[in-house]
């Protein structure tokens, strides 16, 4: 890697003293991270405001498979195409600035415009940028895009929005805990007139997002083209969107029920059901949750002409809790059914609601998750008791029991287990500074041990 400019190194070190994530109903598996500070921005005239986010991050994925060069087609070539599914060691430092113009918050008609981008200032070695998930892996160039632009009507019981927005739902998510979040071209209506009940329906047309999209995520592409389907299936389907409808019941005391259905025209249907029971016993508050997700091919994908065959489910349980002394725990278990299609759907469109994941997701490291199961155990500590507010440290152990009848490395050797050990430190203060540092080690059968490291921090105003 080329030498860091002193100013960027200094900024990275400063932000590392201080990650962040919006609180997305706590169903994304990033349990107990400190929330990214919500800033009011700089007020202009008549209630309009400007807000921004300057984020800097070092990301590194070590697959024990160094790049050996760039071929005539511009593709980065690995030392061994069979090692770790052919994934190539990747690393780099990036800056992702974002600035937004928002209409007055007390107005029923709301508008927002956000311009965002990513750059490495020419620092990184291009051979190591295949899987940093910031630039497009083939173009590997800085970019800028109109990430959000929408108009919305909102009152106490109704919300109607049309445009581009970084929306969060269980399976389609802005995923703002990484370098540059996803955004969706969307139209939806939300109704909360019923007691403790929220109804929602809409249509996803396009999305941007390098980390969670299967196309050039530095631009907006149709939902079908941004999927993880094969190139042949995408060509046959063309540009299609995804309809959705949801119901959420929350009595704001013990019971929370979420039901979502996403219908991808000529692609696949995703059904999501989750129930959480929350309560408090003396100095211990807890969340006992159950989750069911089903993926099923429809339209073109259900024909014999399609490459993909998608028909499987995930069943999950979790028990999370917090103690008044600062400690917290998070546990989860998931079972993947004996059906096909997990490679085409897991992690697509930014949704990671699964209860038993690692701290850094590794859906594409094993050969297959068919008929697999996973379990997670995490312990964390909030340092507020020591007078350091908004600082959290945690350790997570995740165990995957793979079915070697389906999961093999690229040389055909069986894979029975994958073990992840992760450590995370997270900070976010009221002044707008935030940081998350995450390290995770991967031990996968018949592959060399690997690791991933993310040091991501920034300043919001």
Protein backbone atom coordinates (compact mmCIF):
# COMPACT_ATOMS: atom_id res chain seq x y z
CA UNK A 1 0.00 0.00 0.00
CA UNK A 2 1.12 3.55 -0.68
CA UNK A 3 2.06 5.86 2.19
CA UNK A 4 -0.78 7.60 4.06
CA UNK A 5 -0.87 11.40 3.97
CA UNK A 6 -0.30 12.61 7.51
CA UNK A 7 -3.65 14.41 7.68
CA UNK A 8 -5.64 11.28 6.82
CA UNK A 9 -3.67 9.14 9.26
CA UNK A 10 -4.32 11.69 11.99
CA UNK A 11 -8.05 11.79 11.23
CA UNK A 12 -8.25 7.99 11.27
CA UNK A 13 -6.51 7.82 14.65
CA UNK A 14 -8.74 10.50 16.11
CA UNK A 15 -11.93 8.81 14.98
CA UNK A 16 -10.65 5.50 16.34
CA UNK A 17 -10.73 7.07 19.80
CA UNK A 18 -14.30 7.54 19.48
CA UNK A 19 -19.10 3.22 14.90
CA UNK A 20 -22.21 3.68 14.80
CA UNK A 21 -25.52 2.50 13.66
CA UNK A 22 -29.05 3.71 13.68
CA UNK A 23 -31.35 1.78 15.99
CA UNK A 24 -33.29 -0.25 13.43
CA UNK A 25 -35.73 -2.02 15.79
CA UNK A 26 -32.71 -4.01 17.03
CA UNK A 27 -33.31 -6.84 14.54
CA UNK A 28 -30.17 -6.63 12.44
CA UNK A 29 -27.87 -8.72 14.63
CA UNK A 30 -25.56 -5.81 15.53
CA UNK A 31 -26.88 -5.98 19.09
CA UNK A 32 -25.98 -3.30 21.62
CA UNK A 33 -23.93 -1.06 19.43
CA UNK A 34 -24.01 2.57 20.42
CA UNK A 35 -26.33 4.61 18.25
CA UNK A 36 -24.83 7.03 15.81
CA UNK A 37 -25.61 10.54 17.11
CA UNK A 38 -28.62 12.20 15.51
CA UNK A 39 -27.62 15.77 14.84
CA UNK A 40 -29.92 18.69 14.05
CA UNK A 41 -27.63 20.08 11.38
CA UNK A 42 -27.06 23.74 10.62
CA UNK A 43 -30.22 25.81 10.45
CA UNK A 44 -30.65 28.04 7.42
CA UNK A 45 -33.77 30.14 6.77
CA UNK A 46 -37.42 29.31 7.45
CA UNK A 47 -36.57 26.02 9.16
CA UNK A 48 -34.48 24.51 6.34
CA UNK A 49 -31.26 22.84 7.48
CA UNK A 50 -28.02 21.38 6.18
CA UNK A 51 -26.51 18.26 7.75
CA UNK A 52 -23.49 16.16 6.91
CA UNK A 53 -21.42 13.11 7.70
CA UNK A 54 -17.68 12.81 7.07
CA UNK A 55 -16.67 9.17 7.49
CA UNK A 56 -13.20 7.64 7.26
CA UNK A 57 -12.51 3.93 7.39
CA UNK A 58 -9.82 1.31 7.04
CA UNK A 59 -11.24 -2.01 5.82
CA UNK A 60 -9.24 -5.22 5.40
CA UNK A 61 -10.17 -8.76 4.36
CA UNK A 62 -7.40 -11.32 4.55
CA UNK A 63 -8.25 -14.51 2.61
CA UNK A 64 -4.67 -15.83 2.47
CA UNK A 65 -4.94 -15.26 -1.27
CA UNK A 66 -2.89 -12.28 -2.45
CA UNK A 67 -3.53 -10.56 -5.79
CA UNK A 68 -0.88 -11.21 -8.41
CA UNK A 69 -1.89 -8.53 -10.89
CA UNK A 70 -4.55 -7.11 -13.16
CA UNK A 71 -5.27 -8.92 -16.43
CA UNK A 72 -5.97 -7.46 -19.88
CA UNK A 73 -9.69 -7.21 -19.08
CA UNK A 74 -9.01 -5.17 -15.96
CA UNK A 75 -9.84 -8.01 -13.55
CA UNK A 76 -7.72 -8.59 -10.46
CA UNK A 77 -6.30 -12.12 -10.42
CA UNK A 78 -5.70 -14.17 -7.23
CA UNK A 79 -2.70 -16.29 -6.36
CA UNK A 80 -4.96 -19.36 -6.21
CA UNK A 81 -8.49 -19.32 -7.71
CA UNK A 82 -9.50 -22.22 -5.43
CA UNK A 83 -8.46 -20.74 -2.06
CA UNK A 84 -11.41 -19.37 -0.07
CA UNK A 85 -13.75 -19.51 -3.06
CA UNK A 86 -11.23 -17.47 -5.05
CA UNK A 87 -11.71 -14.38 -2.88
CA UNK A 88 -8.76 -12.01 -3.03
CA UNK A 89 -7.02 -10.22 -0.16
CA UNK A 90 -8.44 -6.70 -0.08
CA UNK A 91 -7.72 -3.58 1.94
CA UNK A 92 -7.86 0.17 1.76
CA UNK A 93 -8.60 3.47 3.45
CA UNK A 94 -11.60 5.46 2.24
CA UNK A 95 -13.43 8.69 2.91
CA UNK A 96 -17.18 8.86 2.30
CA UNK A 97 -18.56 12.39 2.63
CA UNK A 98 -22.29 13.09 2.64
CA UNK A 99 -24.27 16.33 2.78
CA UNK A 100 -28.04 16.78 3.01
CA UNK A 101 -30.53 19.61 2.61
CA UNK A 102 -33.77 19.07 4.56
CA UNK A 103 -37.07 20.94 4.75
CA UNK A 104 -38.48 22.13 8.10
CA UNK A 105 -39.20 19.27 10.51
CA UNK A 106 -42.51 20.74 11.70
CA UNK A 107 -43.92 20.87 8.18
CA UNK A 108 -46.28 18.16 6.92
CA UNK A 109 -44.65 18.31 3.49
CA UNK A 110 -41.08 17.10 3.86
CA UNK A 111 -38.31 16.99 1.30
CA UNK A 112 -34.69 15.94 1.46
CA UNK A 113 -31.74 15.95 -0.92
CA UNK A 114 -28.51 14.06 -0.14
CA UNK A 115 -25.35 13.98 -2.20
CA UNK A 116 -22.77 11.34 -1.22
CA UNK A 117 -19.64 9.74 -2.58
CA UNK A 118 -16.49 7.79 -1.86
CA UNK A 119 -12.82 8.39 -2.54
CA UNK A 120 -9.41 7.05 -1.53
CA UNK A 121 -7.49 10.17 -2.66
CA UNK A 122 -5.32 7.86 -4.76
CA UNK A 123 -3.81 6.21 -1.69
CA UNK A 124 -4.78 2.56 -2.12
CA UNK A 125 -3.08 -0.13 -4.16
CA UNK A 126 -5.70 -0.97 -6.82
CA UNK A 127 -4.79 -4.68 -6.79
CA UNK A 128 -6.15 -4.86 -3.22
CA UNK A 129 -9.56 -3.32 -3.95
CA UNK A 130 -11.53 -6.31 -5.29
CA UNK A 131 -13.55 -6.88 -2.09
CA UNK A 132 -13.32 -3.71 -0.03
CA UNK A 133 -17.01 -3.06 -0.91
CA UNK A 134 -16.55 0.69 -1.27
CA UNK A 135 -15.74 1.18 -4.97
CA UNK A 136 -17.25 -0.93 -7.71
CA UNK A 137 -15.04 -4.09 -7.72
CA UNK A 138 -14.49 -3.89 -11.48
CA UNK A 139 -14.18 -0.14 -12.05
CA UNK A 140 -12.45 0.66 -8.72
CA UNK A 141 -12.87 4.42 -9.07
CA UNK A 142 -14.11 7.22 -6.79
CA UNK A 143 -17.73 8.20 -7.37
CA UNK A 144 -20.48 10.59 -6.37
CA UNK A 145 -24.24 10.11 -6.57
CA UNK A 146 -27.53 11.74 -5.71
CA UNK A 147 -28.26 9.34 -2.88
CA UNK A 148 -31.51 10.77 -1.57
CA UNK A 149 -34.13 13.03 -3.11
CA UNK A 150 -37.74 12.65 -2.04
CA UNK A 151 -40.97 14.42 -1.24
CA UNK A 152 -43.18 13.16 1.55
CA UNK A 153 -46.40 14.00 3.34
CA UNK A 154 -46.45 13.09 7.01
CA UNK A 155 -48.81 13.65 9.92
CA UNK A 156 -49.56 11.69 13.11
CA UNK A 157 -51.32 8.83 11.30
CA UNK A 158 -50.17 8.89 7.67
CA UNK A 159 -46.97 9.03 5.67
CA UNK A 160 -46.64 8.99 1.89
CA UNK A 161 -43.19 9.16 0.28
CA UNK A 162 -41.91 9.07 -3.30
CA UNK A 163 -38.26 9.28 -4.33
CA UNK A 164 -34.87 8.04 -3.19
CA UNK A 165 -34.48 7.28 0.51
CA UNK A 166 -32.17 5.33 2.81
CA UNK A 167 -35.07 3.37 4.23
CA UNK A 168 -34.77 0.53 6.72
CA UNK A 169 -36.92 -2.61 6.75
CA UNK A 170 -35.96 -6.11 7.97
CA UNK A 171 -34.92 -7.51 4.58
CA UNK A 172 -34.19 -4.32 2.59
CA UNK A 173 -32.01 -2.03 4.64
CA UNK A 174 -29.90 1.10 4.28
CA UNK A 175 -27.27 -0.79 6.31
CA UNK A 176 -25.69 2.44 7.56
CA UNK A 177 -23.19 0.74 9.87
CA UNK A 178 -20.75 0.28 6.95
CA UNK A 179 -18.86 2.83 4.80
CA UNK A 180 -21.58 4.16 2.47
CA UNK A 181 -25.16 3.09 3.06
CA UNK A 182 -27.66 1.79 0.54
CA UNK A 183 -30.43 3.93 -0.88
CA UNK A 184 -33.63 2.92 -2.67
CA UNK A 185 -35.89 4.48 -5.27
CA UNK A 186 -39.21 3.80 -3.62
CA UNK A 187 -42.84 4.77 -3.24
CA UNK A 188 -44.73 3.79 -0.08
CA UNK A 189 -47.66 4.60 2.20
CA UNK A 190 -47.61 4.09 5.96
CA UNK A 191 -50.67 4.17 8.24
CA UNK A 192 -50.54 4.23 12.05
CA UNK A 193 -54.16 5.13 12.81
CA UNK A 194 -54.88 1.78 14.48
CA UNK A 195 -53.89 1.43 18.14
CA UNK A 196 -50.34 0.08 18.50
CA UNK A 197 -50.40 -0.99 14.84
CA UNK A 198 -48.48 0.22 11.82
CA UNK A 199 -49.42 -0.76 8.25
CA UNK A 200 -47.20 -0.16 5.25
CA UNK A 201 -47.21 -0.93 1.51
CA UNK A 202 -45.03 0.17 -1.36
CA UNK A 203 -42.73 -0.58 -4.27
CA UNK A 204 -38.92 -0.73 -4.52
CA UNK A 205 -37.86 0.31 -8.02
CA UNK A 206 -34.06 0.69 -7.88
CA UNK A 207 -31.19 0.73 -5.39
CA UNK A 208 -27.60 1.81 -4.97
CA UNK A 209 -25.08 0.13 -2.68
CA UNK A 210 -21.79 -1.63 -3.36
CA UNK A 211 -21.84 -3.75 -0.20
CA UNK A 212 -25.35 -5.18 -0.64
CA UNK A 213 -26.03 -5.05 -4.38
CA UNK A 214 -25.15 -7.46 -7.16
CA UNK A 215 -24.61 -4.76 -9.77
CA UNK A 216 -22.57 -1.57 -9.95
CA UNK A 217 -23.62 -0.20 -6.58
CA UNK A 218 -22.08 3.20 -7.28
CA UNK A 219 -25.14 3.83 -9.47
CA UNK A 220 -28.85 3.15 -9.15
CA UNK A 221 -29.94 -0.11 -10.78
CA UNK A 222 -33.26 -1.92 -10.93
CA UNK A 223 -33.93 -4.31 -8.06
CA UNK A 224 -33.67 -7.31 -10.37
CA UNK A 225 -30.26 -6.22 -11.64
CA UNK A 226 -29.10 -5.41 -8.10
CA UNK A 227 -30.03 -8.91 -6.94
CA UNK A 228 -27.53 -11.74 -6.48
CA UNK A 229 -29.03 -13.78 -9.32
CA UNK A 230 -26.84 -15.00 -12.19
CA UNK A 231 -26.17 -12.77 -15.20
CA UNK A 232 -28.24 -15.11 -17.39
CA UNK A 233 -31.27 -14.89 -15.08
CA UNK A 234 -30.95 -11.10 -14.84
CA UNK A 235 -30.84 -10.82 -18.63
CA UNK A 236 -33.99 -12.93 -18.97
CA UNK A 237 -35.87 -11.03 -16.25
CA UNK A 238 -34.91 -7.53 -17.36
CA UNK A 239 -35.52 -4.52 -15.15
CA UNK A 240 -38.06 -5.38 -12.46
CA UNK A 241 -38.97 -4.03 -9.04
CA UNK A 242 -40.22 -5.47 -5.77
CA UNK A 243 -43.60 -4.88 -4.10
CA UNK A 244 -43.94 -5.06 -0.33
CA UNK A 245 -46.53 -4.90 2.43
CA UNK A 246 -46.14 -5.06 6.21
CA UNK A 247 -47.90 -5.07 9.54
CA UNK A 248 -46.25 -4.26 12.84
CA UNK A 249 -47.92 -4.47 16.24
CA UNK A 250 -46.13 -3.03 19.27
CA UNK A 251 -47.92 -2.55 22.59
CA UNK A 252 -44.88 -0.58 23.84
CA UNK A 253 -44.65 -2.87 26.83
CA UNK A 254 -44.11 -6.58 26.13
CA UNK A 255 -45.21 -7.61 22.63
CA UNK A 256 -43.82 -6.76 19.22
CA UNK A 257 -44.93 -8.56 16.07
CA UNK A 258 -43.58 -7.88 12.56
CA UNK A 259 -44.91 -9.37 9.35
CA UNK A 260 -43.41 -8.40 6.00
CA UNK A 261 -43.84 -9.75 2.49
CA UNK A 262 -41.66 -8.74 -0.47
CA UNK A 263 -42.73 -9.89 -3.93
CA UNK A 264 -40.04 -9.65 -6.60
CA UNK A 265 -41.71 -9.82 -10.00
CA UNK A 266 -40.25 -12.78 -11.95
CA UNK A 267 -37.73 -13.26 -9.12
CA UNK A 268 -38.61 -14.60 -5.68
CA UNK A 269 -40.99 -13.90 -2.82
CA UNK A 270 -39.61 -13.22 0.68
CA UNK A 271 -41.87 -13.72 3.70
CA UNK A 272 -40.63 -12.43 7.06
CA UNK A 273 -42.25 -13.04 10.44
CA UNK A 274 -40.79 -12.05 13.80
CA UNK A 275 -42.15 -11.89 17.35
CA UNK A 276 -40.35 -10.43 20.36
CA UNK A 277 -41.38 -10.54 24.00
CA UNK A 278 -39.60 -7.93 26.10
CA UNK A 279 -39.75 -7.51 29.86
CA UNK A 280 -37.70 -6.55 32.89
CA UNK A 281 -36.98 -8.55 36.06
CA UNK A 282 -35.33 -6.57 38.84
CA UNK A 283 -32.11 -5.21 37.32
CA UNK A 284 -32.30 -7.32 34.15
CA UNK A 285 -34.19 -6.41 30.94
CA UNK A 286 -34.50 -9.01 28.20
CA UNK A 287 -35.80 -9.78 24.71
CA UNK A 288 -36.99 -13.27 23.78
CA UNK A 289 -37.53 -13.48 20.03
CA UNK A 290 -38.56 -15.95 17.33
CA UNK A 291 -38.16 -15.48 13.59
CA UNK A 292 -39.21 -17.24 10.38
CA UNK A 293 -38.07 -16.30 6.86
CA UNK A 294 -39.08 -18.06 3.64
CA UNK A 295 -37.67 -17.49 0.16
CA UNK A 296 -39.59 -18.94 -2.79
CA UNK A 297 -39.08 -18.48 -6.53
CA UNK A 298 -41.88 -16.96 -8.61
CA UNK A 299 -42.52 -16.06 -12.24
CA UNK A 300 -39.54 -16.63 -14.52
CA UNK A 301 -37.35 -18.12 -11.77
CA UNK A 302 -39.98 -20.82 -11.22
CA UNK A 303 -39.55 -22.05 -14.80
CA UNK A 304 -37.11 -24.70 -15.98
CA UNK A 305 -35.25 -22.08 -18.04
CA UNK A 306 -33.91 -20.28 -14.97
CA UNK A 307 -30.46 -20.95 -13.47
CA UNK A 308 -31.54 -20.34 -9.87
CA UNK A 309 -33.70 -22.68 -7.83
CA UNK A 310 -34.88 -20.80 -4.73
CA UNK A 311 -36.99 -22.57 -2.14
CA UNK A 312 -35.78 -22.59 1.48
CA UNK A 313 -36.50 -21.21 4.94
CA UNK A 314 -34.64 -20.03 8.05
CA UNK A 315 -35.95 -20.62 11.58
CA UNK A 316 -34.37 -18.63 14.43
CA UNK A 317 -34.57 -17.96 18.16
CA UNK A 318 -32.81 -15.40 20.32
CA UNK A 319 -32.46 -14.35 23.93
CA UNK A 320 -30.82 -10.97 24.59
CA UNK A 321 -30.52 -9.15 27.87
CA UNK A 322 -29.03 -6.16 29.67
CA UNK A 323 -28.00 -5.88 33.30
CA UNK A 324 -28.04 -2.63 35.27
CA UNK A 325 -24.35 -3.11 36.11
CA UNK A 326 -23.37 -2.45 32.46
CA UNK A 327 -23.07 -6.01 31.15
CA UNK A 328 -25.23 -7.34 28.33
CA UNK A 329 -25.64 -10.66 26.56
CA UNK A 330 -26.92 -11.69 23.12
CA UNK A 331 -27.59 -15.27 22.08
CA UNK A 332 -29.17 -16.75 18.98
CA UNK A 333 -29.68 -19.96 17.00
CA UNK A 334 -30.75 -20.48 13.40
CA UNK A 335 -31.62 -23.49 11.26
CA UNK A 336 -31.44 -23.38 7.45
CA UNK A 337 -33.84 -25.76 5.72
CA UNK A 338 -32.78 -28.39 3.20
CA UNK A 339 -33.63 -26.25 0.18
CA UNK A 340 -31.74 -24.41 -2.53
CA UNK A 341 -31.01 -20.78 -3.26
CA UNK A 342 -29.24 -19.33 -0.22
CA UNK A 343 -26.35 -17.95 -2.32
CA UNK A 344 -28.80 -15.83 -4.35
CA UNK A 345 -30.67 -14.27 -1.42
CA UNK A 346 -28.67 -14.08 1.83
CA UNK A 347 -27.58 -10.49 2.42
CA UNK A 348 -29.17 -9.20 -0.76
CA UNK A 349 -30.54 -5.63 -0.62
CA UNK A 350 -28.93 -4.89 2.75
CA UNK A 351 -31.12 -6.91 5.09
CA UNK A 352 -29.29 -8.86 7.82
CA UNK A 353 -31.99 -9.64 10.40
CA UNK A 354 -30.74 -13.17 11.09
CA UNK A 355 -30.28 -13.92 14.79
CA UNK A 356 -27.09 -16.01 14.64
CA UNK A 357 -24.52 -14.16 12.54
CA UNK A 358 -20.95 -13.15 13.08
CA UNK A 359 -19.99 -9.54 13.67
CA UNK A 360 -18.77 -9.31 10.08
CA UNK A 361 -20.96 -11.35 7.75
CA UNK A 362 -19.47 -14.36 5.98
CA UNK A 363 -22.28 -15.68 3.81
CA UNK A 364 -19.94 -16.27 0.86
CA UNK A 365 -17.06 -18.03 2.57
CA UNK A 366 -18.45 -21.61 2.93
CA UNK A 367 -19.48 -23.55 -0.13
CA UNK A 368 -23.14 -23.76 0.91
CA UNK A 369 -25.51 -23.06 3.84
CA UNK A 370 -28.06 -25.65 2.74
CA UNK A 371 -29.28 -27.70 5.74
CA UNK A 372 -26.84 -25.85 8.01
CA UNK A 373 -27.39 -24.37 11.46
CA UNK A 374 -25.69 -21.60 13.40
CA UNK A 375 -25.52 -20.36 16.97
CA UNK A 376 -24.21 -17.17 18.56
CA UNK A 377 -23.13 -16.12 22.04
CA UNK A 378 -22.08 -12.56 22.81
CA UNK A 379 -21.12 -10.62 25.91
CA UNK A 380 -20.63 -6.88 26.09
CA UNK A 381 -20.03 -4.07 28.53
CA UNK A 382 -21.17 -0.44 28.61
CA UNK A 383 -18.50 1.70 30.26
CA UNK A 384 -20.93 4.33 31.54
CA UNK A 385 -20.46 2.91 35.05
CA UNK A 386 -16.83 4.00 34.80
CA UNK A 387 -17.83 7.50 33.74
CA UNK A 388 -17.16 6.89 30.03
CA UNK A 389 -20.54 7.29 28.40
CA UNK A 390 -21.44 5.82 24.98
CA UNK A 391 -18.49 3.40 24.92
CA UNK A 392 -19.22 -0.31 24.43
CA UNK A 393 -16.90 -3.34 24.13
CA UNK A 394 -18.10 -6.80 23.14
CA UNK A 395 -17.01 -10.29 22.13
CA UNK A 396 -19.03 -12.67 19.93
CA UNK A 397 -18.59 -16.37 19.21
CA UNK A 398 -20.49 -17.82 16.25
CA UNK A 399 -20.57 -21.48 15.29
CA UNK A 400 -21.82 -22.80 11.93
CA UNK A 401 -22.67 -26.49 11.65
CA UNK A 402 -22.44 -27.05 7.90
CA UNK A 403 -23.76 -30.00 5.91
CA UNK A 404 -20.74 -31.46 4.10
CA UNK A 405 -23.06 -33.09 1.56
CA UNK A 406 -23.60 -29.61 0.16
CA UNK A 407 -20.80 -27.41 1.51
CA UNK A 408 -17.36 -28.01 -0.02
CA UNK A 409 -14.43 -25.83 -0.94
CA UNK A 410 -13.63 -25.23 -4.61
CA UNK A 411 -11.39 -28.29 -4.63
CA UNK A 412 -14.31 -30.48 -3.54
CA UNK A 413 -13.18 -31.09 0.05
CA UNK A 414 -16.01 -31.27 2.63
CA UNK A 415 -16.78 -28.49 5.10
CA UNK A 416 -18.42 -29.42 8.39
CA UNK A 417 -17.86 -26.32 10.53
CA UNK A 418 -17.06 -22.62 10.44
CA UNK A 419 -16.13 -20.81 13.66
CA UNK A 420 -16.04 -17.01 14.04
CA UNK A 421 -14.49 -15.07 16.91
CA UNK A 422 -15.21 -11.35 16.85
CA UNK A 423 -14.37 -8.32 19.00
CA UNK A 424 -15.96 -4.89 18.66
CA UNK A 425 -15.55 -1.50 20.29
CA UNK A 426 -18.19 1.12 19.59
CA UNK A 427 -18.54 4.78 20.51
CA UNK A 428 -20.85 7.67 19.68
CA UNK A 429 -21.23 10.99 21.49
CA UNK A 430 -23.61 13.93 21.44
CA UNK A 431 -21.07 16.14 19.70
CA UNK A 432 -21.32 14.03 16.53
CA UNK A 433 -18.20 11.88 16.82
CA UNK A 434 -18.62 8.13 16.35
CA UNK A 435 -16.46 5.05 15.77
CA UNK A 436 -16.63 1.28 15.53
CA UNK A 437 -13.65 -1.04 15.36
CA UNK A 438 -14.40 -4.68 14.53
CA UNK A 439 -12.06 -7.64 14.17
CA UNK A 440 -13.21 -11.16 13.33
CA UNK A 441 -11.23 -14.36 12.84
CA UNK A 442 -12.61 -17.13 10.62
CA UNK A 443 -11.79 -20.84 10.98
CA UNK A 444 -13.42 -22.76 8.10
CA UNK A 445 -12.83 -26.44 7.33
CA UNK A 446 -10.31 -27.11 4.55
CA UNK A 447 -9.46 -23.45 4.08
CA UNK A 448 -6.63 -21.38 5.58
CA UNK A 449 -7.69 -19.27 8.55
CA UNK A 450 -8.73 -15.75 7.58
CA UNK A 451 -9.70 -12.49 9.26
CA UNK A 452 -11.52 -9.24 8.61
CA UNK A 453 -10.89 -5.82 10.16
CA UNK A 454 -12.94 -2.65 9.97
CA UNK A 455 -12.01 0.65 11.62
CA UNK A 456 -14.77 3.08 10.72
CA UNK A 457 -15.41 6.45 12.30
CA UNK A 458 -16.54 9.93 11.50
CA UNK A 459 -18.21 13.15 12.44
CA UNK A 460 -21.81 14.18 11.91
CA UNK A 461 -23.28 17.64 12.09
